[in-house]
Amino acid sequence: MDPQKEPQQNYLPYPPQPTAIADDEIDLRELFAAIWKGKWIIIATTFVFAVGSVLYALSLPNIYKADALLAPAESSGGGGLSKMAGQLGGLAALAGVNLGGGESSQTDLAVQVMKSRQFVDAFIKKHDLLVPLMAAKDWDLANNQLVLDEEIYDQNSGEWLREPKGLRGATPTSQEAFEVFSKEILNVNQDKDSGLYTVSVKHFSPYVAQQWVNWLIEDINKVMRERTIAETSQNLDYLNTQLQKTAVADMQSTFYKLIEEQTKSLMLAEVQEEFVFKVVDPAVVPEIKDGPKRALICVLGTLLGGMLGVALVIVYFMSKKNNVI
């Protein structure tokens, strides 16, 4: 043996050890085995949630939706007034008279007015809707009567029984009623292709829903007609005053044309009942409920219970495994 050659030494005195990461890895077979062992927990949790979701779904009252299909009225832009906007718009602006922005702008304005706080508040007060809006909780089909929440409103004495909170007393405020009406009751949509509007109302009673839709259409047409009559009358007063002040023949001719068109617009507003919206398909009493989706609630509740049961089993398995390690 060559003394200069040293025997080869094994520099790995210990066999390779598994890394620490491997200890934290989850074996799928162990995981499935743990889920199988905890199957009764999963079944019990799923069953409890399924029964709970069914009971919850059955406790929810039916909601009915009535809707009406509306078309913008041809005269909503001011009749022949919009035709003169291009020719007389400059002179009218100098005279301080508004010729109107066309049919679509008037219709869009009417939609925004219908959704406004002022209109909704006046609508609720006019038709005395505060109780059926804020205190109703169901509908009695046999007697066709609303079921009121006795904890909120005493029907015999006509008193509100709510607990006051801050600036909101026992009686619901206008702001509360507006929030409920605009978020839960009223919905206005426009079909971009046809340009038609759908006004829908949801309520516990199908008869109330249908009646409120009709009232909304009547009131918005009336409000927009009154606004146009007031504005046109003010314009006519101003134009007649300016006509008396000027002696220029061209200006007098312009004022006569403006007065003529304003008079036409005033006549149309006073005559037409469907001033902004024409009813294409009126609202009817809905025979089928719109909600709640009880089958969907039951399915989602059952799935939630199953997932929660699996999660509980996995958490128990992981905690037990870590304790053993």
C-alpha atoms as a PDB file:
ATOM      1  CA  MET A   1       0.000   0.000   0.000  1.00  0.00           C
ATOM      2  CA  ASP A   2       1.242   3.398  -0.943  1.00  0.00           C
ATOM      3  CA  PRO A   3       1.744   5.364   2.266  1.00  0.00           C
ATOM      4  CA  GLN A   4       1.056   8.563   0.335  1.00  0.00           C
ATOM      5  CA  LYS A   5      -2.416   7.391  -0.558  1.00  0.00           C
ATOM      6  CA  GLU A   6      -4.851   7.794   2.207  1.00  0.00           C
ATOM      7  CA  PRO A   7      -7.836   5.514   2.379  1.00  0.00           C
ATOM      8  CA  GLN A   8     -11.042   7.094   1.086  1.00  0.00           C
ATOM      9  CA  GLN A   9     -13.259   8.200   3.918  1.00  0.00           C
ATOM     10  CA  ASN A  10     -17.003   8.438   3.873  1.00  0.00           C
ATOM     11  CA  TYR A  11     -17.864  12.072   4.578  1.00  0.00           C
ATOM     12  CA  LEU A  12     -21.539  11.168   5.018  1.00  0.00           C
ATOM     13  CA  PRO A  13     -21.453   9.366   8.358  1.00  0.00           C
ATOM     14  CA  TYR A  14     -25.248   9.556   8.651  1.00  0.00           C
ATOM     15  CA  PRO A  15     -27.830   8.503   6.123  1.00  0.00           C
ATOM     16  CA  PRO A  16     -29.764  11.328   4.384  1.00  0.00           C
ATOM     17  CA  GLN A  17     -32.483  12.688   6.594  1.00  0.00           C
ATOM     18  CA  PRO A  18     -35.804  13.914   5.253  1.00  0.00           C
ATOM     19  CA  THR A  19     -36.144  17.651   5.281  1.00  0.00           C
ATOM     20  CA  ALA A  20     -38.369  19.432   7.734  1.00  0.00           C
ATOM     21  CA  ILE A  21     -40.650  20.439   4.915  1.00  0.00           C
ATOM     22  CA  ALA A  22     -41.545  16.828   4.308  1.00  0.00           C
ATOM     23  CA  ASP A  23     -42.882  16.575   7.856  1.00  0.00           C
ATOM     24  CA  ASP A  24     -45.346  19.367   7.154  1.00  0.00           C
ATOM     25  CA  GLU A  25     -46.689  17.885   3.947  1.00  0.00           C
ATOM     26  CA  ILE A  26     -50.191  16.406   4.045  1.00  0.00           C
ATOM     27  CA  ASP A  27     -50.642  12.893   2.821  1.00  0.00           C
ATOM     28  CA  LEU A  28     -53.799  12.793   0.714  1.00  0.00           C
ATOM     29  CA  ARG A  29     -54.461   9.240   1.756  1.00  0.00           C
ATOM     30  CA  GLU A  30     -54.329  10.255   5.403  1.00  0.00           C
ATOM     31  CA  LEU A  31     -56.537  13.233   4.649  1.00  0.00           C
ATOM     32  CA  PHE A  32     -59.184  11.134   2.930  1.00  0.00           C
ATOM     33  CA  ALA A  33     -58.936   8.584   5.703  1.00  0.00           C
ATOM     34  CA  ALA A  34     -59.501  11.319   8.285  1.00  0.00           C
ATOM     35  CA  ILE A  35     -62.510  12.617   6.333  1.00  0.00           C
ATOM     36  CA  TRP A  36     -63.908   9.094   6.174  1.00  0.00           C
ATOM     37  CA  LYS A  37     -63.446   8.653   9.909  1.00  0.00           C
ATOM     38  CA  GLY A  38     -65.206  11.941  10.531  1.00  0.00           C
ATOM     39  CA  LYS A  39     -68.010  11.218   8.093  1.00  0.00           C
ATOM     40  CA  TRP A  40     -70.610  11.216  10.824  1.00  0.00           C
ATOM     41  CA  ILE A  41     -69.582  14.713  11.874  1.00  0.00           C
ATOM     42  CA  ILE A  42     -69.899  15.852   8.262  1.00  0.00           C
ATOM     43  CA  ILE A  43     -73.264  14.152   7.873  1.00  0.00           C
ATOM     44  CA  ALA A  44     -74.572  15.606  11.127  1.00  0.00           C
ATOM     45  CA  THR A  45     -73.398  19.138  10.260  1.00  0.00           C
ATOM     46  CA  THR A  46     -74.843  18.903   6.765  1.00  0.00           C
ATOM     47  CA  PHE A  47     -78.147  17.625   8.138  1.00  0.00           C
ATOM     48  CA  VAL A  48     -78.408  20.407  10.703  1.00  0.00           C
ATOM     49  CA  PHE A  49     -77.704  23.089   8.103  1.00  0.00           C
ATOM     50  CA  ALA A  50     -80.092  21.483   5.618  1.00  0.00           C
ATOM     51  CA  VAL A  51     -82.931  21.434   8.128  1.00  0.00           C
ATOM     52  CA  GLY A  52     -82.108  24.971   9.236  1.00  0.00           C
ATOM     53  CA  SER A  53     -82.080  26.278   5.672  1.00  0.00           C
ATOM     54  CA  VAL A  54     -85.423  24.610   4.959  1.00  0.00           C
ATOM     55  CA  LEU A  55     -87.002  26.114   8.067  1.00  0.00           C
ATOM     56  CA  TYR A  56     -85.516  29.517   7.240  1.00  0.00           C
ATOM     57  CA  ALA A  57     -86.740  29.370   3.638  1.00  0.00           C
ATOM     58  CA  LEU A  58     -90.241  28.386   4.743  1.00  0.00           C
ATOM     59  CA  SER A  59     -90.341  31.253   7.249  1.00  0.00           C
ATOM     60  CA  LEU A  60     -89.735  33.859   4.549  1.00  0.00           C
ATOM     61  CA  PRO A  61     -92.900  35.480   3.141  1.00  0.00           C
ATOM     62  CA  ASN A  62     -93.634  35.485  -0.580  1.00  0.00           C
ATOM     63  CA  ILE A  63     -92.693  38.572  -2.561  1.00  0.00           C
ATOM     64  CA  TYR A  64     -94.696  39.527  -5.648  1.00  0.00           C
ATOM     65  CA  LYS A  65     -93.550  41.841  -8.431  1.00  0.00           C
ATOM     66  CA  ALA A  66     -95.833  43.859 -10.679  1.00  0.00           C
ATOM     67  CA  ASP A  67     -94.417  45.760 -13.640  1.00  0.00           C
ATOM     68  CA  ALA A  68     -95.558  47.954 -16.509  1.00  0.00           C
ATOM     69  CA  LEU A  69     -93.934  48.596 -19.887  1.00  0.00           C
ATOM     70  CA  LEU A  70     -93.714  52.270 -20.816  1.00  0.00           C
ATOM     71  CA  ALA A  71     -92.744  54.220 -23.923  1.00  0.00           C
ATOM     72  CA  PRO A  72     -91.577  57.841 -23.988  1.00  0.00           C
ATOM     73  CA  ALA A  73     -94.478  60.067 -25.025  1.00  0.00           C
ATOM     74  CA  GLU A  74     -93.984  61.947 -28.289  1.00  0.00           C
ATOM     75  CA  SER A  75     -94.846  65.279 -26.700  1.00  0.00           C
ATOM     76  CA  SER A  76     -92.494  64.904 -23.729  1.00  0.00           C
ATOM     77  CA  GLY A  77     -89.888  67.058 -25.437  1.00  0.00           C
ATOM     78  CA  GLY A  78     -92.235  70.017 -25.755  1.00  0.00           C
ATOM     79  CA  GLY A  79     -94.014  69.069 -28.990  1.00  0.00           C
ATOM     80  CA  GLY A  80     -93.077  71.306 -31.897  1.00  0.00           C
ATOM     81  CA  LEU A  81     -90.850  73.285 -29.586  1.00  0.00           C
ATOM     82  CA  SER A  82     -87.950  70.900 -30.086  1.00  0.00           C
ATOM     83  CA  LYS A  83     -88.150  71.368 -33.863  1.00  0.00           C
ATOM     84  CA  MET A  84     -87.394  75.054 -33.517  1.00  0.00           C
ATOM     85  CA  ALA A  85     -84.503  74.545 -31.136  1.00  0.00           C
ATOM     86  CA  GLY A  86     -81.950  74.576 -33.940  1.00  0.00           C
ATOM     87  CA  GLN A  87     -83.323  77.703 -35.598  1.00  0.00           C
ATOM     88  CA  LEU A  88     -84.277  79.798 -32.616  1.00  0.00           C
ATOM     89  CA  GLY A  89     -82.053  78.340 -29.928  1.00  0.00           C
ATOM     90  CA  GLY A  90     -79.627  81.276 -29.929  1.00  0.00           C
ATOM     91  CA  LEU A  91     -82.280  83.939 -29.831  1.00  0.00           C
ATOM     92  CA  ALA A  92     -84.251  82.025 -27.231  1.00  0.00           C
ATOM     93  CA  ALA A  93     -81.184  81.760 -25.035  1.00  0.00           C
ATOM     94  CA  LEU A  94     -80.671  85.516 -25.315  1.00  0.00           C
ATOM     95  CA  ALA A  95     -84.306  85.983 -24.375  1.00  0.00           C
ATOM     96  CA  GLY A  96     -83.881  83.680 -21.379  1.00  0.00           C
ATOM     97  CA  VAL A  97     -86.332  81.035 -22.665  1.00  0.00           C
ATOM     98  CA  ASN A  98     -85.657  77.291 -22.488  1.00  0.00           C
ATOM     99  CA  LEU A  99     -86.773  75.466 -25.636  1.00  0.00           C
ATOM    100  CA  GLY A 100     -86.293  72.020 -24.145  1.00  0.00           C
ATOM    101  CA  GLY A 101     -83.597  69.420 -24.764  1.00  0.00           C
ATOM    102  CA  GLY A 102     -85.670  66.898 -26.675  1.00  0.00           C
ATOM    103  CA  GLU A 103     -87.747  63.849 -25.901  1.00  0.00           C
ATOM    104  CA  SER A 104     -85.032  61.641 -24.464  1.00  0.00           C
ATOM    105  CA  SER A 105     -83.781  64.294 -22.020  1.00  0.00           C
ATOM    106  CA  GLN A 106     -87.287  64.865 -20.685  1.00  0.00           C
ATOM    107  CA  THR A 107     -87.795  61.130 -20.246  1.00  0.00           C
ATOM    108  CA  ASP A 108     -84.461  60.702 -18.496  1.00  0.00           C
ATOM    109  CA  LEU A 109     -85.352  63.613 -16.243  1.00  0.00           C
ATOM    110  CA  ALA A 110     -88.683  61.969 -15.423  1.00  0.00           C
ATOM    111  CA  VAL A 111     -86.895  58.751 -14.427  1.00  0.00           C
ATOM    112  CA  GLN A 112     -84.579  60.644 -12.106  1.00  0.00           C
ATOM    113  CA  VAL A 113     -87.511  62.567 -10.637  1.00  0.00           C
ATOM    114  CA  MET A 114     -89.304  59.272  -9.978  1.00  0.00           C
ATOM    115  CA  LYS A 115     -86.273  58.069  -8.016  1.00  0.00           C
ATOM    116  CA  SER A 116     -85.778  61.327  -6.120  1.00  0.00           C
ATOM    117  CA  ARG A 117     -86.395  61.828  -2.407  1.00  0.00           C
ATOM    118  CA  GLN A 118     -88.881  64.616  -2.990  1.00  0.00           C
ATOM    119  CA  PHE A 119     -91.065  62.584  -5.345  1.00  0.00           C
ATOM    120  CA  VAL A 120     -90.973  59.414  -3.218  1.00  0.00           C
ATOM    121  CA  ASP A 121     -91.767  61.356  -0.054  1.00  0.00           C
ATOM    122  CA  ALA A 122     -94.716  63.106  -1.726  1.00  0.00           C
ATOM    123  CA  PHE A 123     -95.877  59.790  -3.213  1.00  0.00           C
ATOM    124  CA  ILE A 124     -95.876  58.059   0.174  1.00  0.00           C
ATOM    125  CA  LYS A 125     -97.692  60.927   1.878  1.00  0.00           C
ATOM    126  CA  LYS A 126    -100.255  61.348  -0.907  1.00  0.00           C
ATOM    127  CA  HIS A 127    -101.338  57.699  -0.883  1.00  0.00           C
ATOM    128  CA  ASP A 128    -100.723  57.098   2.853  1.00  0.00           C
ATOM    129  CA  LEU A 129     -98.234  54.274   2.279  1.00  0.00           C
ATOM    130  CA  LEU A 130     -96.073  54.547   5.389  1.00  0.00           C
ATOM    131  CA  VAL A 131     -97.773  51.682   7.251  1.00  0.00           C
ATOM    132  CA  PRO A 132     -97.908  49.155   4.368  1.00  0.00           C
ATOM    133  CA  LEU A 133     -94.352  50.120   3.464  1.00  0.00           C
ATOM    134  CA  MET A 134     -92.659  50.015   6.872  1.00  0.00           C
ATOM    135  CA  ALA A 135     -94.871  47.785   9.056  1.00  0.00           C
ATOM    136  CA  ALA A 136     -96.055  45.015   6.704  1.00  0.00           C
ATOM    137  CA  LYS A 137     -94.431  41.601   7.108  1.00  0.00           C
ATOM    138  CA  ASP A 138     -96.689  39.233   5.124  1.00  0.00           C
ATOM    139  CA  TRP A 139     -99.929  38.918   3.187  1.00  0.00           C
ATOM    140  CA  ASP A 140    -103.050  36.966   4.115  1.00  0.00           C
ATOM    141  CA  LEU A 141    -104.171  35.270   0.901  1.00  0.00           C
ATOM    142  CA  ALA A 142    -107.555  34.134   2.234  1.00  0.00           C
ATOM    143  CA  ASN A 143    -108.659  37.592   3.386  1.00  0.00           C
ATOM    144  CA  ASN A 144    -106.517  39.622   0.968  1.00  0.00           C
ATOM    145  CA  GLN A 145    -105.097  41.673   3.822  1.00  0.00           C
ATOM    146  CA  LEU A 146    -101.621  42.735   4.788  1.00  0.00           C
ATOM    147  CA  VAL A 147    -100.179  41.214   7.946  1.00  0.00           C
ATOM    148  CA  LEU A 148     -98.579  43.942  10.053  1.00  0.00           C
ATOM    149  CA  ASP A 149     -95.767  43.458  12.504  1.00  0.00           C
ATOM    150  CA  GLU A 150     -97.327  43.964  15.924  1.00  0.00           C
ATOM    151  CA  GLU A 151     -93.939  44.728  17.454  1.00  0.00           C
ATOM    152  CA  ILE A 152     -93.571  47.717  15.153  1.00  0.00           C
ATOM    153  CA  TYR A 153     -97.078  49.059  14.693  1.00  0.00           C
ATOM    154  CA  ASP A 154    -100.286  48.808  16.732  1.00  0.00           C
ATOM    155  CA  GLN A 155    -103.107  48.599  14.223  1.00  0.00           C
ATOM    156  CA  ASN A 156    -105.849  49.227  16.793  1.00  0.00           C
ATOM    157  CA  SER A 157    -104.426  52.446  18.208  1.00  0.00           C
ATOM    158  CA  GLY A 158    -102.499  53.498  15.123  1.00  0.00           C
ATOM    159  CA  GLU A 159     -99.289  54.008  17.121  1.00  0.00           C
ATOM    160  CA  TRP A 160     -95.755  53.042  16.176  1.00  0.00           C
ATOM    161  CA  LEU A 161     -94.045  50.885  18.789  1.00  0.00           C
ATOM    162  CA  ARG A 162     -90.441  50.969  17.600  1.00  0.00           C
ATOM    163  CA  GLU A 163     -87.576  51.846  19.876  1.00  0.00           C
ATOM    164  CA  PRO A 164     -86.205  55.310  19.021  1.00  0.00           C
ATOM    165  CA  LYS A 165     -82.591  55.296  17.806  1.00  0.00           C
ATOM    166  CA  GLY A 166     -80.754  58.570  17.594  1.00  0.00           C
ATOM    167  CA  LEU A 167     -82.579  61.023  15.362  1.00  0.00           C
ATOM    168  CA  ARG A 168     -85.025  58.336  14.277  1.00  0.00           C
ATOM    169  CA  GLY A 169     -88.005  58.094  16.561  1.00  0.00           C
ATOM    170  CA  ALA A 170     -90.772  55.544  16.843  1.00  0.00           C
ATOM    171  CA  THR A 171     -92.436  56.773  13.661  1.00  0.00           C
ATOM    172  CA  PRO A 172     -90.320  56.041  10.558  1.00  0.00           C
ATOM    173  CA  THR A 173     -88.819  59.157   9.044  1.00  0.00           C
ATOM    174  CA  SER A 174     -89.048  60.226   5.419  1.00  0.00           C
ATOM    175  CA  GLN A 175     -85.434  59.234   4.901  1.00  0.00           C
ATOM    176  CA  GLU A 176     -86.076  55.717   6.216  1.00  0.00           C
ATOM    177  CA  ALA A 177     -89.125  55.313   4.011  1.00  0.00           C
ATOM    178  CA  PHE A 178     -87.188  56.554   0.984  1.00  0.00           C
ATOM    179  CA  GLU A 179     -84.347  54.101   1.592  1.00  0.00           C
ATOM    180  CA  VAL A 180     -86.736  51.140   1.838  1.00  0.00           C
ATOM    181  CA  PHE A 181     -88.810  52.253  -1.145  1.00  0.00           C
ATOM    182  CA  SER A 182     -85.875  52.962  -3.461  1.00  0.00           C
ATOM    183  CA  LYS A 183     -83.781  49.908  -2.529  1.00  0.00           C
ATOM    184  CA  GLU A 184     -86.408  47.211  -1.938  1.00  0.00           C
ATOM    185  CA  ILE A 185     -89.619  48.308  -3.641  1.00  0.00           C
ATOM    186  CA  LEU A 186     -89.082  50.388  -6.786  1.00  0.00           C
ATOM    187  CA  ASN A 187     -87.034  49.458  -9.826  1.00  0.00           C
ATOM    188  CA  VAL A 188     -86.849  51.314 -13.162  1.00  0.00           C
ATOM    189  CA  ASN A 189     -84.969  49.789 -16.095  1.00  0.00           C
ATOM    190  CA  GLN A 190     -84.555  50.810 -19.725  1.00  0.00           C
ATOM    191  CA  ASP A 191     -84.107  48.482 -22.666  1.00  0.00           C
ATOM    192  CA  LYS A 192     -81.270  50.055 -24.639  1.00  0.00           C
ATOM    193  CA  ASP A 193     -82.361  48.396 -27.880  1.00  0.00           C
ATOM    194  CA  SER A 194     -86.028  49.370 -27.877  1.00  0.00           C
ATOM    195  CA  GLY A 195     -85.790  52.462 -25.651  1.00  0.00           C
ATOM    196  CA  LEU A 196     -88.759  51.254 -23.586  1.00  0.00           C
ATOM    197  CA  TYR A 197     -88.869  51.506 -19.808  1.00  0.00           C
ATOM    198  CA  THR A 198     -90.034  48.957 -17.242  1.00  0.00           C
ATOM    199  CA  VAL A 199     -91.320  50.198 -13.893  1.00  0.00           C
ATOM    200  CA  SER A 200     -91.660  47.416 -11.327  1.00  0.00           C
ATOM    201  CA  VAL A 201     -92.724  47.259  -7.687  1.00  0.00           C
ATOM    202  CA  LYS A 202     -92.144  44.405  -5.228  1.00  0.00           C
ATOM    203  CA  HIS A 203     -94.390  43.820  -2.235  1.00  0.00           C
ATOM    204  CA  PHE A 204     -95.888  41.121  -0.035  1.00  0.00           C
ATOM    205  CA  SER A 205     -99.296  41.681  -1.629  1.00  0.00           C
ATOM    206  CA  PRO A 206     -99.661  41.276  -5.407  1.00  0.00           C
ATOM    207  CA  TYR A 207    -102.606  43.682  -5.374  1.00  0.00           C
ATOM    208  CA  VAL A 208    -100.589  46.361  -3.591  1.00  0.00           C
ATOM    209  CA  ALA A 209     -97.711  45.919  -6.032  1.00  0.00           C
ATOM    210  CA  GLN A 210     -99.986  46.370  -9.039  1.00  0.00           C
ATOM    211  CA  GLN A 211    -101.722  49.391  -7.516  1.00  0.00           C
ATOM    212  CA  TRP A 212     -98.463  51.126  -6.642  1.00  0.00           C
ATOM    213  CA  VAL A 213     -97.164  50.735 -10.204  1.00  0.00           C
ATOM    214  CA  ASN A 214    -100.287  52.409 -11.583  1.00  0.00           C
ATOM    215  CA  TRP A 215    -100.041  55.204  -9.028  1.00  0.00           C
ATOM    216  CA  LEU A 216     -96.379  55.798  -9.870  1.00  0.00           C
ATOM    217  CA  ILE A 217     -97.114  56.165 -13.576  1.00  0.00           C
ATOM    218  CA  GLU A 218    -100.025  58.518 -12.951  1.00  0.00           C
ATOM    219  CA  ASP A 219     -98.084  60.653 -10.488  1.00  0.00           C
ATOM    220  CA  ILE A 220     -94.908  61.002 -12.546  1.00  0.00           C
ATOM    221  CA  ASN A 221     -96.920  62.068 -15.600  1.00  0.00           C
ATOM    222  CA  LYS A 222     -98.815  64.558 -13.463  1.00  0.00           C
ATOM    223  CA  VAL A 223     -95.681  65.963 -11.831  1.00  0.00           C
ATOM    224  CA  MET A 224     -93.832  66.377 -15.133  1.00  0.00           C
ATOM    225  CA  ARG A 225     -96.906  67.915 -16.769  1.00  0.00           C
ATOM    226  CA  GLU A 226     -97.293  70.426 -13.938  1.00  0.00           C
ATOM    227  CA  ARG A 227     -93.592  71.295 -14.141  1.00  0.00           C
ATOM    228  CA  THR A 228     -93.907  71.927 -17.878  1.00  0.00           C
ATOM    229  CA  ILE A 229     -97.059  74.008 -17.449  1.00  0.00           C
ATOM    230  CA  ALA A 230     -95.411  76.149 -14.777  1.00  0.00           C
ATOM    231  CA  GLU A 231     -92.238  76.618 -16.823  1.00  0.00           C
ATOM    232  CA  THR A 232     -94.111  77.363 -20.056  1.00  0.00           C
ATOM    233  CA  SER A 233     -96.415  79.837 -18.337  1.00  0.00           C
ATOM    234  CA  GLN A 234     -93.392  81.637 -16.904  1.00  0.00           C
ATOM    235  CA  ASN A 235     -91.816  81.742 -20.366  1.00  0.00           C
ATOM    236  CA  LEU A 236     -94.975  83.170 -21.907  1.00  0.00           C
ATOM    237  CA  ASP A 237     -95.157  85.910 -19.289  1.00  0.00           C
ATOM    238  CA  TYR A 238     -91.541  86.834 -19.949  1.00  0.00           C
ATOM    239  CA  LEU A 239     -91.939  86.779 -23.748  1.00  0.00           C
ATOM    240  CA  ASN A 240     -95.052  88.962 -23.648  1.00  0.00           C
ATOM    241  CA  THR A 241     -93.246  91.426 -21.414  1.00  0.00           C
ATOM    242  CA  GLN A 242     -90.237  91.588 -23.765  1.00  0.00           C
ATOM    243  CA  LEU A 243     -92.510  91.905 -26.787  1.00  0.00           C
ATOM    244  CA  GLN A 244     -94.043  95.057 -25.353  1.00  0.00           C
ATOM    245  CA  LYS A 245     -90.600  96.541 -24.756  1.00  0.00           C
ATOM    246  CA  THR A 246     -89.126  96.126 -28.253  1.00  0.00           C
ATOM    247  CA  ALA A 247     -89.976  98.029 -31.425  1.00  0.00           C
ATOM    248  CA  VAL A 248     -87.625  96.117 -33.736  1.00  0.00           C
ATOM    249  CA  ALA A 249     -89.619  94.201 -36.337  1.00  0.00           C
ATOM    250  CA  ASP A 250     -87.225  91.236 -36.496  1.00  0.00           C
ATOM    251  CA  MET A 251     -87.213  90.817 -32.745  1.00  0.00           C
ATOM    252  CA  GLN A 252     -90.985  91.087 -32.634  1.00  0.00           C
ATOM    253  CA  SER A 253     -91.244  88.334 -35.275  1.00  0.00           C
ATOM    254  CA  THR A 254     -88.925  86.132 -33.225  1.00  0.00           C
ATOM    255  CA  PHE A 255     -90.922  86.724 -30.069  1.00  0.00           C
ATOM    256  CA  TYR A 256     -94.164  85.892 -31.885  1.00  0.00           C
ATOM    257  CA  LYS A 257     -92.730  82.570 -33.049  1.00  0.00           C
ATOM    258  CA  LEU A 258     -91.495  81.747 -29.557  1.00  0.00           C
ATOM    259  CA  ILE A 259     -94.848  82.675 -28.059  1.00  0.00           C
ATOM    260  CA  GLU A 260     -96.613  80.491 -30.608  1.00  0.00           C
ATOM    261  CA  GLU A 261     -94.486  77.455 -29.809  1.00  0.00           C
ATOM    262  CA  GLN A 262     -94.719  78.019 -26.076  1.00  0.00           C
ATOM    263  CA  THR A 263     -98.494  78.244 -26.398  1.00  0.00           C
ATOM    264  CA  LYS A 264     -98.576  74.948 -28.317  1.00  0.00           C
ATOM    265  CA  SER A 265     -96.440  73.324 -25.644  1.00  0.00           C
ATOM    266  CA  LEU A 266     -98.745  74.658 -22.922  1.00  0.00           C
ATOM    267  CA  MET A 267    -101.841  73.352 -24.699  1.00  0.00           C
ATOM    268  CA  LEU A 268    -100.354  69.869 -25.120  1.00  0.00           C
ATOM    269  CA  ALA A 269     -99.294  69.756 -21.474  1.00  0.00           C
ATOM    270  CA  GLU A 270    -102.764  70.726 -20.310  1.00  0.00           C
ATOM    271  CA  VAL A 271    -104.522  68.180 -22.551  1.00  0.00           C
ATOM    272  CA  GLN A 272    -102.351  65.056 -22.414  1.00  0.00           C
ATOM    273  CA  GLU A 273    -102.632  62.794 -19.383  1.00  0.00           C
ATOM    274  CA  GLU A 274     -99.761  60.529 -20.484  1.00  0.00           C
ATOM    275  CA  PHE A 275     -97.401  63.447 -20.789  1.00  0.00           C
ATOM    276  CA  VAL A 276     -94.006  61.744 -20.367  1.00  0.00           C
ATOM    277  CA  PHE A 277     -94.754  58.005 -20.398  1.00  0.00           C
ATOM    278  CA  LYS A 278     -97.306  56.144 -22.491  1.00  0.00           C
ATOM    279  CA  VAL A 279     -98.363  52.766 -21.127  1.00  0.00           C
ATOM    280  CA  VAL A 280     -97.551  50.013 -23.618  1.00  0.00           C
ATOM    281  CA  ASP A 281     -98.338  47.091 -21.330  1.00  0.00           C
ATOM    282  CA  PRO A 282    -100.137  47.967 -18.074  1.00  0.00           C
ATOM    283  CA  ALA A 283     -99.387  46.306 -14.755  1.00  0.00           C
ATOM    284  CA  VAL A 284    -101.431  43.260 -13.787  1.00  0.00           C
ATOM    285  CA  VAL A 285    -101.819  41.419 -10.500  1.00  0.00           C
ATOM    286  CA  PRO A 286     -98.973  38.848 -10.448  1.00  0.00           C
ATOM    287  CA  GLU A 287    -100.150  35.290  -9.880  1.00  0.00           C
ATOM    288  CA  ILE A 288     -96.712  33.771  -9.241  1.00  0.00           C
ATOM    289  CA  LYS A 289     -94.304  34.933  -6.566  1.00  0.00           C
ATOM    290  CA  ASP A 290     -91.032  36.566  -7.526  1.00  0.00           C
ATOM    291  CA  GLY A 291     -89.198  35.441  -4.394  1.00  0.00           C
ATOM    292  CA  PRO A 292     -87.745  34.166  -2.221  1.00  0.00           C
ATOM    293  CA  LYS A 293     -85.821  31.439  -4.053  1.00  0.00           C
ATOM    294  CA  ARG A 294     -86.449  28.758  -1.461  1.00  0.00           C
ATOM    295  CA  ALA A 295     -84.879  25.903  -3.429  1.00  0.00           C
ATOM    296  CA  LEU A 296     -81.686  27.919  -3.911  1.00  0.00           C
ATOM    297  CA  ILE A 297     -81.582  28.808  -0.203  1.00  0.00           C
ATOM    298  CA  CYS A 298     -81.903  25.119   0.753  1.00  0.00           C
ATOM    299  CA  VAL A 299     -79.193  24.033  -1.689  1.00  0.00           C
ATOM    300  CA  LEU A 300     -76.776  26.739  -0.560  1.00  0.00           C
ATOM    301  CA  GLY A 301     -77.474  25.993   3.106  1.00  0.00           C
ATOM    302  CA  THR A 302     -76.835  22.276   2.601  1.00  0.00           C
ATOM    303  CA  LEU A 303     -73.594  22.929   0.714  1.00  0.00           C
ATOM    304  CA  LEU A 304     -72.452  25.332   3.423  1.00  0.00           C
ATOM    305  CA  GLY A 305     -73.133  22.714   6.090  1.00  0.00           C
ATOM    306  CA  GLY A 306     -71.194  20.065   4.154  1.00  0.00           C
ATOM    307  CA  MET A 307     -68.202  22.345   3.654  1.00  0.00           C
ATOM    308  CA  LEU A 308     -68.231  23.373   7.296  1.00  0.00           C
ATOM    309  CA  GLY A 309     -68.312  19.717   8.377  1.00  0.00           C
ATOM    310  CA  VAL A 310     -65.352  18.860   6.143  1.00  0.00           C
ATOM    311  CA  ALA A 311     -63.461  21.883   7.462  1.00  0.00           C
ATOM    312  CA  LEU A 312     -64.062  20.822  11.063  1.00  0.00           C
ATOM    313  CA  VAL A 313     -62.791  17.320  10.369  1.00  0.00           C
ATOM    314  CA  ILE A 314     -59.679  18.623   8.608  1.00  0.00           C
ATOM    315  CA  VAL A 315     -58.903  21.063  11.413  1.00  0.00           C
ATOM    316  CA  TYR A 316     -59.296  18.295  13.984  1.00  0.00           C
ATOM    317  CA  PHE A 317     -57.051  16.001  11.913  1.00  0.00           C
ATOM    318  CA  MET A 318     -54.325  18.649  11.548  1.00  0.00           C
ATOM    319  CA  SER A 319     -54.377  19.576  15.231  1.00  0.00           C
ATOM    320  CA  LYS A 320     -54.196  15.919  16.230  1.00  0.00           C
ATOM    321  CA  LYS A 321     -51.320  15.284  13.831  1.00  0.00           C
ATOM    322  CA  ASN A 322     -49.343  18.264  15.119  1.00  0.00           C
ATOM    323  CA  ASN A 323     -49.830  17.143  18.716  1.00  0.00           C
ATOM    324  CA  VAL A 324     -48.506  13.688  17.870  1.00  0.00           C
ATOM    325  CA  ILE A 325     -45.467  15.135  16.166  1.00  0.00           C
END
